[in-house]
Amino acid sequence: MTGALTLALAIVVVVFVIENNHPASLLFFGWSSPSLPFALYIVSALLIGVGIGVILSWVARARVKQKISRTE
């Protein structure tokens, strides 16, 4: 089941990247990024968000384990 879900997600990402290959430039507080494919910005934001989520869940899990070990 997990393999099928991973494959489906990979197919969706590949189709998204192929369909959104137009160059785009971002402007953020006066800083202008180089002109890169639009999909690269979106996939990068997705990966950064997933990374932050993993780190935050790891910290929360560590706190819960620490709280459980204190009560025992």
PDB file of N, CA and C in Angstrom:
ATOM      1  N   MET A   1       0.828  -1.201   0.000  1.00  0.00           N
ATOM      2  CA  MET A   1       0.000   0.000   0.000  1.00  0.00           C
ATOM      3  C   MET A   1       0.867   1.258   0.000  1.00  0.00           C
ATOM      4  N   THR A   2       1.917   1.283   0.834  1.00  0.00           N
ATOM      5  CA  THR A   2       2.790   2.448   0.905  1.00  0.00           C
ATOM      6  C   THR A   2       3.541   2.650  -0.402  1.00  0.00           C
ATOM      7  N   GLY A   3       3.956   1.553  -1.025  1.00  0.00           N
ATOM      8  CA  GLY A   3       4.657   1.644  -2.304  1.00  0.00           C
ATOM      9  C   GLY A   3       3.773   2.239  -3.386  1.00  0.00           C
ATOM     10  N   ALA A   4       2.498   1.861  -3.403  1.00  0.00           N
ATOM     11  CA  ALA A   4       1.561   2.394  -4.395  1.00  0.00           C
ATOM     12  C   ALA A   4       1.328   3.880  -4.162  1.00  0.00           C
ATOM     13  N   LEU A   5       1.232   4.269  -2.909  1.00  0.00           N
ATOM     14  CA  LEU A   5       1.041   5.683  -2.583  1.00  0.00           C
ATOM     15  C   LEU A   5       2.266   6.503  -2.964  1.00  0.00           C
ATOM     16  N   THR A   6       3.442   5.964  -2.709  1.00  0.00           N
ATOM     17  CA  THR A   6       4.684   6.642  -3.082  1.00  0.00           C
ATOM     18  C   THR A   6       4.794   6.776  -4.588  1.00  0.00           C
ATOM     19  N   LEU A   7       4.445   5.731  -5.313  1.00  0.00           N
ATOM     20  CA  LEU A   7       4.474   5.771  -6.770  1.00  0.00           C
ATOM     21  C   LEU A   7       3.490   6.797  -7.315  1.00  0.00           C
ATOM     22  N   ALA A   8       2.280   6.839  -6.762  1.00  0.00           N
ATOM     23  CA  ALA A   8       1.283   7.813  -7.199  1.00  0.00           C
ATOM     24  C   ALA A   8       1.760   9.237  -6.937  1.00  0.00           C
ATOM     25  N   LEU A   9       2.350   9.465  -5.776  1.00  0.00           N
ATOM     26  CA  LEU A   9       2.865  10.792  -5.454  1.00  0.00           C
ATOM     27  C   LEU A   9       4.006  11.174  -6.383  1.00  0.00           C
ATOM     28  N   ALA A  10       4.880  10.234  -6.686  1.00  0.00           N
ATOM     29  CA  ALA A  10       5.989  10.503  -7.603  1.00  0.00           C
ATOM     30  C   ALA A  10       5.471  10.853  -8.995  1.00  0.00           C
ATOM     31  N   ILE A  11       4.447  10.147  -9.452  1.00  0.00           N
ATOM     32  CA  ILE A  11       3.867  10.451 -10.761  1.00  0.00           C
ATOM     33  C   ILE A  11       3.248  11.839 -10.772  1.00  0.00           C
ATOM     34  N   VAL A  12       2.552  12.197  -9.720  1.00  0.00           N
ATOM     35  CA  VAL A  12       1.945  13.527  -9.632  1.00  0.00           C
ATOM     36  C   VAL A  12       3.026  14.607  -9.642  1.00  0.00           C
ATOM     37  N   VAL A  13       4.109  14.400  -8.918  1.00  0.00           N
ATOM     38  CA  VAL A  13       5.195  15.384  -8.878  1.00  0.00           C
ATOM     39  C   VAL A  13       5.845  15.523 -10.248  1.00  0.00           C
ATOM     40  N   VAL A  14       6.081  14.408 -10.928  1.00  0.00           N
ATOM     41  CA  VAL A  14       6.694  14.465 -12.265  1.00  0.00           C
ATOM     42  C   VAL A  14       5.793  15.204 -13.243  1.00  0.00           C
ATOM     43  N   VAL A  15       4.506  14.907 -13.230  1.00  0.00           N
ATOM     44  CA  VAL A  15       3.568  15.609 -14.114  1.00  0.00           C
ATOM     45  C   VAL A  15       3.533  17.093 -13.778  1.00  0.00           C
ATOM     46  N   PHE A  16       3.533  17.435 -12.493  1.00  0.00           N
ATOM     47  CA  PHE A  16       3.535  18.834 -12.079  1.00  0.00           C
ATOM     48  C   PHE A  16       4.775  19.548 -12.592  1.00  0.00           C
ATOM     49  N   VAL A  17       5.924  18.920 -12.471  1.00  0.00           N
ATOM     50  CA  VAL A  17       7.176  19.527 -12.917  1.00  0.00           C
ATOM     51  C   VAL A  17       7.166  19.719 -14.432  1.00  0.00           C
ATOM     52  N   ILE A  18       6.676  18.733 -15.158  1.00  0.00           N
ATOM     53  CA  ILE A  18       6.633  18.848 -16.620  1.00  0.00           C
ATOM     54  C   ILE A  18       5.674  19.959 -17.047  1.00  0.00           C
ATOM     55  N   GLU A  19       4.540  20.075 -16.387  1.00  0.00           N
ATOM     56  CA  GLU A  19       3.540  21.072 -16.767  1.00  0.00           C
ATOM     57  C   GLU A  19       3.922  22.499 -16.343  1.00  0.00           C
ATOM     58  N   ASN A  20       4.754  22.653 -15.346  1.00  0.00           N
ATOM     59  CA  ASN A  20       5.099  23.977 -14.822  1.00  0.00           C
ATOM     60  C   ASN A  20       6.579  24.272 -15.029  1.00  0.00           C
ATOM     61  N   ASN A  21       7.025  24.143 -16.238  1.00  0.00           N
ATOM     62  CA  ASN A  21       8.427  24.334 -16.562  1.00  0.00           C
ATOM     63  C   ASN A  21       8.732  25.762 -17.029  1.00  0.00           C
ATOM     64  N   HIS A  22       7.801  26.680 -16.846  1.00  0.00           N
ATOM     65  CA  HIS A  22       7.995  28.061 -17.273  1.00  0.00           C
ATOM     66  C   HIS A  22       8.929  28.781 -16.301  1.00  0.00           C
ATOM     67  N   PRO A  23       9.832  29.603 -16.826  1.00  0.00           N
ATOM     68  CA  PRO A  23      10.741  30.316 -15.917  1.00  0.00           C
ATOM     69  C   PRO A  23      10.003  31.383 -15.104  1.00  0.00           C
ATOM     70  N   ALA A  24      10.430  31.524 -13.875  1.00  0.00           N
ATOM     71  CA  ALA A  24       9.840  32.523 -12.976  1.00  0.00           C
ATOM     72  C   ALA A  24      10.947  33.097 -12.108  1.00  0.00           C
ATOM     73  N   SER A  25      10.749  34.334 -11.702  1.00  0.00           N
ATOM     74  CA  SER A  25      11.689  34.996 -10.812  1.00  0.00           C
ATOM     75  C   SER A  25      10.917  35.494  -9.595  1.00  0.00           C
ATOM     76  N   LEU A  26      11.455  35.297  -8.429  1.00  0.00           N
ATOM     77  CA  LEU A  26      10.795  35.726  -7.199  1.00  0.00           C
ATOM     78  C   LEU A  26      11.432  37.003  -6.674  1.00  0.00           C
ATOM     79  N   LEU A  27      10.616  37.857  -6.099  1.00  0.00           N
ATOM     80  CA  LEU A  27      11.089  39.090  -5.481  1.00  0.00           C
ATOM     81  C   LEU A  27      10.663  39.062  -4.016  1.00  0.00           C
ATOM     82  N   PHE A  28      11.637  39.131  -3.106  1.00  0.00           N
ATOM     83  CA  PHE A  28      11.359  39.020  -1.681  1.00  0.00           C
ATOM     84  C   PHE A  28      12.177  40.062  -0.939  1.00  0.00           C
ATOM     85  N   PHE A  29      11.511  41.077  -0.386  1.00  0.00           N
ATOM     86  CA  PHE A  29      12.158  42.168   0.347  1.00  0.00           C
ATOM     87  C   PHE A  29      13.312  42.784  -0.441  1.00  0.00           C
ATOM     88  N   GLY A  30      13.100  43.002  -1.717  1.00  0.00           N
ATOM     89  CA  GLY A  30      14.103  43.639  -2.549  1.00  0.00           C
ATOM     90  C   GLY A  30      15.122  42.689  -3.147  1.00  0.00           C
ATOM     91  N   TRP A  31      15.135  41.433  -2.705  1.00  0.00           N
ATOM     92  CA  TRP A  31      16.059  40.445  -3.243  1.00  0.00           C
ATOM     93  C   TRP A  31      15.372  39.721  -4.381  1.00  0.00           C
ATOM     94  N   SER A  32      16.006  39.676  -5.531  1.00  0.00           N
ATOM     95  CA  SER A  32      15.439  39.017  -6.693  1.00  0.00           C
ATOM     96  C   SER A  32      16.186  37.713  -6.954  1.00  0.00           C
ATOM     97  N   SER A  33      15.430  36.662  -7.116  1.00  0.00           N
ATOM     98  CA  SER A  33      16.039  35.353  -7.371  1.00  0.00           C
ATOM     99  C   SER A  33      16.330  35.193  -8.858  1.00  0.00           C
ATOM    100  N   PRO A  34      17.188  34.268  -9.195  1.00  0.00           N
ATOM    101  CA  PRO A  34      17.415  34.001 -10.623  1.00  0.00           C
ATOM    102  C   PRO A  34      16.159  33.382 -11.246  1.00  0.00           C
ATOM    103  N   SER A  35      16.052  33.489 -12.525  1.00  0.00           N
ATOM    104  CA  SER A  35      14.908  32.944 -13.244  1.00  0.00           C
ATOM    105  C   SER A  35      15.074  31.428 -13.364  1.00  0.00           C
ATOM    106  N   LEU A  36      14.260  30.703 -12.620  1.00  0.00           N
ATOM    107  CA  LEU A  36      14.298  29.243 -12.590  1.00  0.00           C
ATOM    108  C   LEU A  36      12.902  28.708 -12.904  1.00  0.00           C
ATOM    109  N   PRO A  37      12.787  27.436 -13.249  1.00  0.00           N
ATOM    110  CA  PRO A  37      11.455  26.873 -13.501  1.00  0.00           C
ATOM    111  C   PRO A  37      10.550  27.022 -12.277  1.00  0.00           C
ATOM    112  N   PHE A  38       9.305  27.373 -12.535  1.00  0.00           N
ATOM    113  CA  PHE A  38       8.331  27.603 -11.469  1.00  0.00           C
ATOM    114  C   PHE A  38       8.198  26.375 -10.569  1.00  0.00           C
ATOM    115  N   ALA A  39       8.208  25.192 -11.156  1.00  0.00           N
ATOM    116  CA  ALA A  39       8.056  23.958 -10.387  1.00  0.00           C
ATOM    117  C   ALA A  39       9.185  23.786  -9.379  1.00  0.00           C
ATOM    118  N   LEU A  40      10.368  24.269  -9.702  1.00  0.00           N
ATOM    119  CA  LEU A  40      11.496  24.145  -8.776  1.00  0.00           C
ATOM    120  C   LEU A  40      11.222  24.903  -7.477  1.00  0.00           C
ATOM    121  N   TYR A  41      10.645  26.083  -7.596  1.00  0.00           N
ATOM    122  CA  TYR A  41      10.306  26.854  -6.391  1.00  0.00           C
ATOM    123  C   TYR A  41       9.238  26.128  -5.564  1.00  0.00           C
ATOM    124  N   ILE A  42       8.234  25.590  -6.229  1.00  0.00           N
ATOM    125  CA  ILE A  42       7.147  24.922  -5.515  1.00  0.00           C
ATOM    126  C   ILE A  42       7.633  23.634  -4.849  1.00  0.00           C
ATOM    127  N   VAL A  43       8.376  22.818  -5.569  1.00  0.00           N
ATOM    128  CA  VAL A  43       8.880  21.566  -5.002  1.00  0.00           C
ATOM    129  C   VAL A  43       9.872  21.856  -3.868  1.00  0.00           C
ATOM    130  N   SER A  44      10.683  22.900  -4.012  1.00  0.00           N
ATOM    131  CA  SER A  44      11.608  23.282  -2.929  1.00  0.00           C
ATOM    132  C   SER A  44      10.841  23.683  -1.679  1.00  0.00           C
ATOM    133  N   ALA A  45       9.785  24.467  -1.846  1.00  0.00           N
ATOM    134  CA  ALA A  45       8.970  24.872  -0.697  1.00  0.00           C
ATOM    135  C   ALA A  45       8.315  23.659  -0.048  1.00  0.00           C
ATOM    136  N   LEU A  46       7.869  22.715  -0.864  1.00  0.00           N
ATOM    137  CA  LEU A  46       7.280  21.492  -0.337  1.00  0.00           C
ATOM    138  C   LEU A  46       8.289  20.701   0.480  1.00  0.00           C
ATOM    139  N   LEU A  47       9.483  20.529  -0.054  1.00  0.00           N
ATOM    140  CA  LEU A  47      10.512  19.759   0.662  1.00  0.00           C
ATOM    141  C   LEU A  47      10.956  20.449   1.944  1.00  0.00           C
ATOM    142  N   ILE A  48      11.063  21.772   1.913  1.00  0.00           N
ATOM    143  CA  ILE A  48      11.419  22.511   3.130  1.00  0.00           C
ATOM    144  C   ILE A  48      10.324  22.346   4.179  1.00  0.00           C
ATOM    145  N   GLY A  49       9.060  22.422   3.758  1.00  0.00           N
ATOM    146  CA  GLY A  49       7.943  22.234   4.687  1.00  0.00           C
ATOM    147  C   GLY A  49       7.915  20.846   5.285  1.00  0.00           C
ATOM    148  N   VAL A  50       8.175  19.835   4.468  1.00  0.00           N
ATOM    149  CA  VAL A  50       8.219  18.460   4.975  1.00  0.00           C
ATOM    150  C   VAL A  50       9.367  18.309   5.970  1.00  0.00           C
ATOM    151  N   GLY A  51      10.517  18.886   5.646  1.00  0.00           N
ATOM    152  CA  GLY A  51      11.657  18.819   6.558  1.00  0.00           C
ATOM    153  C   GLY A  51      11.360  19.473   7.895  1.00  0.00           C
ATOM    154  N   ILE A  52      10.732  20.632   7.864  1.00  0.00           N
ATOM    155  CA  ILE A  52      10.369  21.321   9.112  1.00  0.00           C
ATOM    156  C   ILE A  52       9.365  20.482   9.905  1.00  0.00           C
ATOM    157  N   GLY A  53       8.409  19.881   9.204  1.00  0.00           N
ATOM    158  CA  GLY A  53       7.424  19.026   9.880  1.00  0.00           C
ATOM    159  C   GLY A  53       8.063  17.827  10.548  1.00  0.00           C
ATOM    160  N   VAL A  54       9.008  17.206   9.868  1.00  0.00           N
ATOM    161  CA  VAL A  54       9.709  16.054  10.444  1.00  0.00           C
ATOM    162  C   VAL A  54      10.487  16.470  11.683  1.00  0.00           C
ATOM    163  N   ILE A  55      11.187  17.587  11.599  1.00  0.00           N
ATOM    164  CA  ILE A  55      11.972  18.063  12.744  1.00  0.00           C
ATOM    165  C   ILE A  55      11.064  18.390  13.928  1.00  0.00           C
ATOM    166  N   LEU A  56       9.954  19.082  13.668  1.00  0.00           N
ATOM    167  CA  LEU A  56       9.045  19.438  14.764  1.00  0.00           C
ATOM    168  C   LEU A  56       8.390  18.208  15.391  1.00  0.00           C
ATOM    169  N   SER A  57       8.037  17.218  14.573  1.00  0.00           N
ATOM    170  CA  SER A  57       7.448  16.005  15.143  1.00  0.00           C
ATOM    171  C   SER A  57       8.481  15.223  15.940  1.00  0.00           C
ATOM    172  N   TRP A  58       9.743  15.245  15.505  1.00  0.00           N
ATOM    173  CA  TRP A  58      10.806  14.578  16.239  1.00  0.00           C
ATOM    174  C   TRP A  58      10.994  15.246  17.609  1.00  0.00           C
ATOM    175  N   VAL A  59      10.975  16.565  17.632  1.00  0.00           N
ATOM    176  CA  VAL A  59      11.121  17.294  18.898  1.00  0.00           C
ATOM    177  C   VAL A  59       9.936  17.003  19.817  1.00  0.00           C
ATOM    178  N   ALA A  60       8.735  17.011  19.266  1.00  0.00           N
ATOM    179  CA  ALA A  60       7.553  16.734  20.088  1.00  0.00           C
ATOM    180  C   ALA A  60       7.593  15.319  20.641  1.00  0.00           C
ATOM    181  N   ARG A  61       8.002  14.357  19.821  1.00  0.00           N
ATOM    182  CA  ARG A  61       8.093  12.968  20.280  1.00  0.00           C
ATOM    183  C   ARG A  61       9.143  12.829  21.377  1.00  0.00           C
ATOM    184  N   ALA A  62      10.257  13.535  21.241  1.00  0.00           N
ATOM    185  CA  ALA A  62      11.303  13.477  22.265  1.00  0.00           C
ATOM    186  C   ALA A  62      10.790  14.058  23.583  1.00  0.00           C
ATOM    187  N   ARG A  63      10.019  15.127  23.494  1.00  0.00           N
ATOM    188  CA  ARG A  63       9.466  15.720  24.721  1.00  0.00           C
ATOM    189  C   ARG A  63       8.486  14.771  25.401  1.00  0.00           C
ATOM    190  N   VAL A  64       7.654  14.100  24.615  1.00  0.00           N
ATOM    191  CA  VAL A  64       6.691  13.157  25.192  1.00  0.00           C
ATOM    192  C   VAL A  64       7.430  11.991  25.849  1.00  0.00           C
ATOM    193  N   LYS A  65       8.435  11.456  25.181  1.00  0.00           N
ATOM    194  CA  LYS A  65       9.211  10.362  25.774  1.00  0.00           C
ATOM    195  C   LYS A  65       9.879  10.802  27.066  1.00  0.00           C
ATOM    196  N   GLN A  66      10.387  12.044  27.079  1.00  0.00           N
ATOM    197  CA  GLN A  66      11.046  12.557  28.276  1.00  0.00           C
ATOM    198  C   GLN A  66      10.019  12.706  29.401  1.00  0.00           C
ATOM    199  N   LYS A  67       8.825  13.181  29.077  1.00  0.00           N
ATOM    200  CA  LYS A  67       7.794  13.356  30.090  1.00  0.00           C
ATOM    201  C   LYS A  67       7.337  11.999  30.623  1.00  0.00           C
ATOM    202  N   ILE A  68       7.237  10.994  29.774  1.00  0.00           N
ATOM    203  CA  ILE A  68       6.851   9.662  30.210  1.00  0.00           C
ATOM    204  C   ILE A  68       7.923   9.054  31.111  1.00  0.00           C
ATOM    205  N   SER A  69       9.182   9.232  30.753  1.00  0.00           N
ATOM    206  CA  SER A  69      10.251   8.667  31.576  1.00  0.00           C
ATOM    207  C   SER A  69      10.326   9.359  32.938  1.00  0.00           C
ATOM    208  N   ARG A  70       9.928  10.587  33.040  1.00  0.00           N
ATOM    209  CA  ARG A  70       9.928  11.278  34.339  1.00  0.00           C
ATOM    210  C   ARG A  70       8.830  10.745  35.255  1.00  0.00           C
ATOM    211  N   THR A  71       7.694  10.377  34.678  1.00  0.00           N
ATOM    212  CA  THR A  71       6.575   9.918  35.492  1.00  0.00           C
ATOM    213  C   THR A  71       6.747   8.488  35.981  1.00  0.00           C
ATOM    214  N   GLU A  72       7.633   7.726  35.345  1.00  0.00           N
ATOM    215  CA  GLU A  72       7.807   6.328  35.760  1.00  0.00           C
ATOM    216  C   GLU A  72       8.766   6.198  36.900  1.00  0.00           C
TER     217      GLU A  72
END
